[in-house]
Amino acid sequence: MKRYFSIITILLALNFLQSCENENNPNLLEVYWDQTGCADPWATNSSQNENDLINAIEEYLATEGVIGAKVISIKNEASQANCLACFCTTGIRFFVAAPKDQLDKLLELGFQRKS
């Protein structure tokens, strides 16, 4: 039992250190995208599961030449439009971390810089 507890503690510590490293890495920037009902360029919709959305976004960015971008979180914090059209926002916001030299590409694709 002690060994099991030690392994869990080590894994949690490594996860914490990794997340702190990303937040403090001066070479990374964070951008976001407000999800739409069905008009996002990675051809998914709001009913797909989180892992499928993350994979689709990261594959789309790689296809568009954005190197090293990773979805770091998905939060329900954006404004939600009161409409059902494809372009209406769902209230879900995707946060992406990427190297600073990829900012122009991300902005051209429609991502917003996190302030």
C-alpha atoms as a PDB file:
ATOM      1  CA  MET A   1       0.000   0.000   0.000  1.00  0.00           C
ATOM      2  CA  LYS A   2       2.878   2.349   0.800  1.00  0.00           C
ATOM      3  CA  ARG A   3       4.368   1.759  -2.627  1.00  0.00           C
ATOM      4  CA  TYR A   4       1.030   2.525  -4.337  1.00  0.00           C
ATOM      5  CA  PHE A   5       0.723   5.770  -2.364  1.00  0.00           C
ATOM      6  CA  SER A   6       4.324   6.721  -3.245  1.00  0.00           C
ATOM      7  CA  ILE A   7       3.729   6.171  -6.960  1.00  0.00           C
ATOM      8  CA  ILE A   8       0.563   8.292  -6.905  1.00  0.00           C
ATOM      9  CA  THR A   9       2.368  11.054  -5.013  1.00  0.00           C
ATOM     10  CA  ILE A  10       5.226  11.077  -7.525  1.00  0.00           C
ATOM     11  CA  LEU A  11       2.830  11.187 -10.491  1.00  0.00           C
ATOM     12  CA  LEU A  12       0.862  14.059  -8.963  1.00  0.00           C
ATOM     13  CA  ALA A  13       4.079  15.967  -8.251  1.00  0.00           C
ATOM     14  CA  LEU A  14       5.293  15.497 -11.839  1.00  0.00           C
ATOM     15  CA  ASN A  15       1.942  16.662 -13.209  1.00  0.00           C
ATOM     16  CA  PHE A  16       2.059  19.750 -10.983  1.00  0.00           C
ATOM     17  CA  LEU A  17       5.609  20.576 -12.046  1.00  0.00           C
ATOM     18  CA  GLN A  18       4.746  20.184 -15.724  1.00  0.00           C
ATOM     19  CA  SER A  19       1.754  22.518 -15.477  1.00  0.00           C
ATOM     20  CA  CYS A  20       3.817  25.105 -13.604  1.00  0.00           C
ATOM     21  CA  GLU A  21       6.526  24.871 -16.255  1.00  0.00           C
ATOM     22  CA  ASN A  22       4.033  25.617 -19.049  1.00  0.00           C
ATOM     23  CA  GLU A  23       2.610  28.635 -17.220  1.00  0.00           C
ATOM     24  CA  ASN A  24       6.048  30.100 -16.596  1.00  0.00           C
ATOM     25  CA  ASN A  25       7.632  29.284 -19.933  1.00  0.00           C
ATOM     26  CA  PRO A  26       8.522  32.631 -21.523  1.00  0.00           C
ATOM     27  CA  ASN A  27       8.693  31.007 -24.976  1.00  0.00           C
ATOM     28  CA  LEU A  28       5.009  30.023 -24.977  1.00  0.00           C
ATOM     29  CA  LEU A  29       1.923  32.115 -25.469  1.00  0.00           C
ATOM     30  CA  GLU A  30      -1.724  31.337 -24.898  1.00  0.00           C
ATOM     31  CA  VAL A  31      -4.527  31.960 -27.367  1.00  0.00           C
ATOM     32  CA  TYR A  32      -8.169  30.958 -27.383  1.00  0.00           C
ATOM     33  CA  TRP A  33     -11.024  30.103 -29.711  1.00  0.00           C
ATOM     34  CA  ASP A  34     -14.735  30.475 -28.960  1.00  0.00           C
ATOM     35  CA  GLN A  35     -16.499  27.334 -30.165  1.00  0.00           C
ATOM     36  CA  THR A  36     -19.342  27.707 -32.636  1.00  0.00           C
ATOM     37  CA  GLY A  37     -22.321  25.434 -33.178  1.00  0.00           C
ATOM     38  CA  CYS A  38     -20.854  23.893 -36.337  1.00  0.00           C
ATOM     39  CA  ALA A  39     -18.676  26.467 -38.139  1.00  0.00           C
ATOM     40  CA  ASP A  40     -15.290  25.724 -36.553  1.00  0.00           C
ATOM     41  CA  PRO A  41     -12.618  25.030 -39.191  1.00  0.00           C
ATOM     42  CA  TRP A  42     -11.728  21.618 -37.733  1.00  0.00           C
ATOM     43  CA  ALA A  43     -15.109  20.224 -38.811  1.00  0.00           C
ATOM     44  CA  THR A  44     -16.459  19.193 -35.432  1.00  0.00           C
ATOM     45  CA  ASN A  45     -19.537  20.287 -33.555  1.00  0.00           C
ATOM     46  CA  SER A  46     -20.521  21.037 -29.995  1.00  0.00           C
ATOM     47  CA  SER A  47     -21.870  17.527 -29.388  1.00  0.00           C
ATOM     48  CA  GLN A  48     -18.497  15.765 -29.748  1.00  0.00           C
ATOM     49  CA  ASN A  49     -16.556  14.572 -26.720  1.00  0.00           C
ATOM     50  CA  GLU A  50     -13.618  16.521 -25.339  1.00  0.00           C
ATOM     51  CA  ASN A  51     -10.869  14.172 -26.558  1.00  0.00           C
ATOM     52  CA  ASP A  52     -12.213  14.205 -30.129  1.00  0.00           C
ATOM     53  CA  LEU A  53     -12.325  18.017 -30.043  1.00  0.00           C
ATOM     54  CA  ILE A  54      -8.762  18.291 -28.720  1.00  0.00           C
ATOM     55  CA  ASN A  55      -7.449  15.880 -31.352  1.00  0.00           C
ATOM     56  CA  ALA A  56      -9.316  17.673 -34.145  1.00  0.00           C
ATOM     57  CA  ILE A  57      -8.003  21.103 -33.096  1.00  0.00           C
ATOM     58  CA  GLU A  58      -4.401  19.922 -32.763  1.00  0.00           C
ATOM     59  CA  GLU A  59      -4.534  18.089 -36.106  1.00  0.00           C
ATOM     60  CA  TYR A  60      -6.037  21.168 -37.777  1.00  0.00           C
ATOM     61  CA  LEU A  61      -3.291  23.410 -36.385  1.00  0.00           C
ATOM     62  CA  ALA A  62      -0.574  21.000 -37.516  1.00  0.00           C
ATOM     63  CA  THR A  63      -2.126  20.845 -40.999  1.00  0.00           C
ATOM     64  CA  GLU A  64      -2.138  24.652 -41.120  1.00  0.00           C
ATOM     65  CA  GLY A  65       1.576  24.740 -40.249  1.00  0.00           C
ATOM     66  CA  VAL A  66       1.288  25.771 -36.593  1.00  0.00           C
ATOM     67  CA  ILE A  67       4.125  23.890 -34.934  1.00  0.00           C
ATOM     68  CA  GLY A  68       4.045  22.847 -31.278  1.00  0.00           C
ATOM     69  CA  ALA A  69       0.502  23.962 -30.441  1.00  0.00           C
ATOM     70  CA  LYS A  70      -1.398  22.034 -27.763  1.00  0.00           C
ATOM     71  CA  VAL A  71      -4.889  22.448 -26.374  1.00  0.00           C
ATOM     72  CA  ILE A  72      -4.338  23.097 -22.674  1.00  0.00           C
ATOM     73  CA  SER A  73      -7.899  23.557 -21.453  1.00  0.00           C
ATOM     74  CA  ILE A  74     -11.532  23.780 -22.419  1.00  0.00           C
ATOM     75  CA  LYS A  75     -13.729  26.035 -20.306  1.00  0.00           C
ATOM     76  CA  ASN A  76     -17.327  27.150 -20.351  1.00  0.00           C
ATOM     77  CA  GLU A  77     -16.580  30.863 -19.965  1.00  0.00           C
ATOM     78  CA  ALA A  78     -17.219  32.529 -23.305  1.00  0.00           C
ATOM     79  CA  SER A  79     -20.367  34.406 -24.208  1.00  0.00           C
ATOM     80  CA  GLN A  80     -23.088  32.170 -25.572  1.00  0.00           C
ATOM     81  CA  ALA A  81     -25.196  33.410 -28.458  1.00  0.00           C
ATOM     82  CA  ASN A  82     -28.946  32.954 -28.244  1.00  0.00           C
ATOM     83  CA  CYS A  83     -29.292  31.424 -31.676  1.00  0.00           C
ATOM     84  CA  LEU A  84     -28.985  28.052 -33.358  1.00  0.00           C
ATOM     85  CA  ALA A  85     -27.070  29.054 -36.503  1.00  0.00           C
ATOM     86  CA  CYS A  86     -23.742  27.348 -37.214  1.00  0.00           C
ATOM     87  CA  PHE A  87     -21.732  30.504 -36.543  1.00  0.00           C
ATOM     88  CA  CYS A  88     -23.300  31.159 -33.110  1.00  0.00           C
ATOM     89  CA  THR A  89     -20.991  30.628 -30.147  1.00  0.00           C
ATOM     90  CA  THR A  90     -21.688  27.864 -27.634  1.00  0.00           C
ATOM     91  CA  GLY A  91     -20.040  29.417 -24.577  1.00  0.00           C
ATOM     92  CA  ILE A  92     -17.137  26.948 -24.735  1.00  0.00           C
ATOM     93  CA  ARG A  93     -13.637  28.374 -25.079  1.00  0.00           C
ATOM     94  CA  PHE A  94     -10.604  26.348 -26.187  1.00  0.00           C
ATOM     95  CA  PHE A  95      -7.253  27.505 -24.828  1.00  0.00           C
ATOM     96  CA  VAL A  96      -4.137  26.661 -26.831  1.00  0.00           C
ATOM     97  CA  ALA A  97      -0.487  27.054 -25.850  1.00  0.00           C
ATOM     98  CA  ALA A  98       2.019  27.514 -28.655  1.00  0.00           C
ATOM     99  CA  PRO A  99       5.530  28.853 -29.208  1.00  0.00           C
ATOM    100  CA  LYS A 100       5.598  32.639 -29.502  1.00  0.00           C
ATOM    101  CA  ASP A 101       6.847  32.481 -33.079  1.00  0.00           C
ATOM    102  CA  GLN A 102       3.516  30.876 -34.074  1.00  0.00           C
ATOM    103  CA  LEU A 103       1.394  33.865 -32.968  1.00  0.00           C
ATOM    104  CA  ASP A 104       0.920  35.385 -36.430  1.00  0.00           C
ATOM    105  CA  LYS A 105      -0.287  32.074 -37.869  1.00  0.00           C
ATOM    106  CA  LEU A 106      -2.706  31.565 -34.992  1.00  0.00           C
ATOM    107  CA  LEU A 107      -4.141  35.074 -35.351  1.00  0.00           C
ATOM    108  CA  GLU A 108      -4.536  34.587 -39.127  1.00  0.00           C
ATOM    109  CA  LEU A 109      -6.527  31.422 -38.406  1.00  0.00           C
ATOM    110  CA  GLY A 110      -8.897  33.362 -36.133  1.00  0.00           C
ATOM    111  CA  PHE A 111      -7.577  32.612 -32.662  1.00  0.00           C
ATOM    112  CA  GLN A 112      -7.547  35.452 -30.128  1.00  0.00           C
ATOM    113  CA  ARG A 113      -4.610  36.346 -27.943  1.00  0.00           C
ATOM    114  CA  LYS A 114      -5.251  35.829 -24.264  1.00  0.00           C
ATOM    115  CA  SER A 115      -4.638  39.054 -22.385  1.00  0.00           C
END
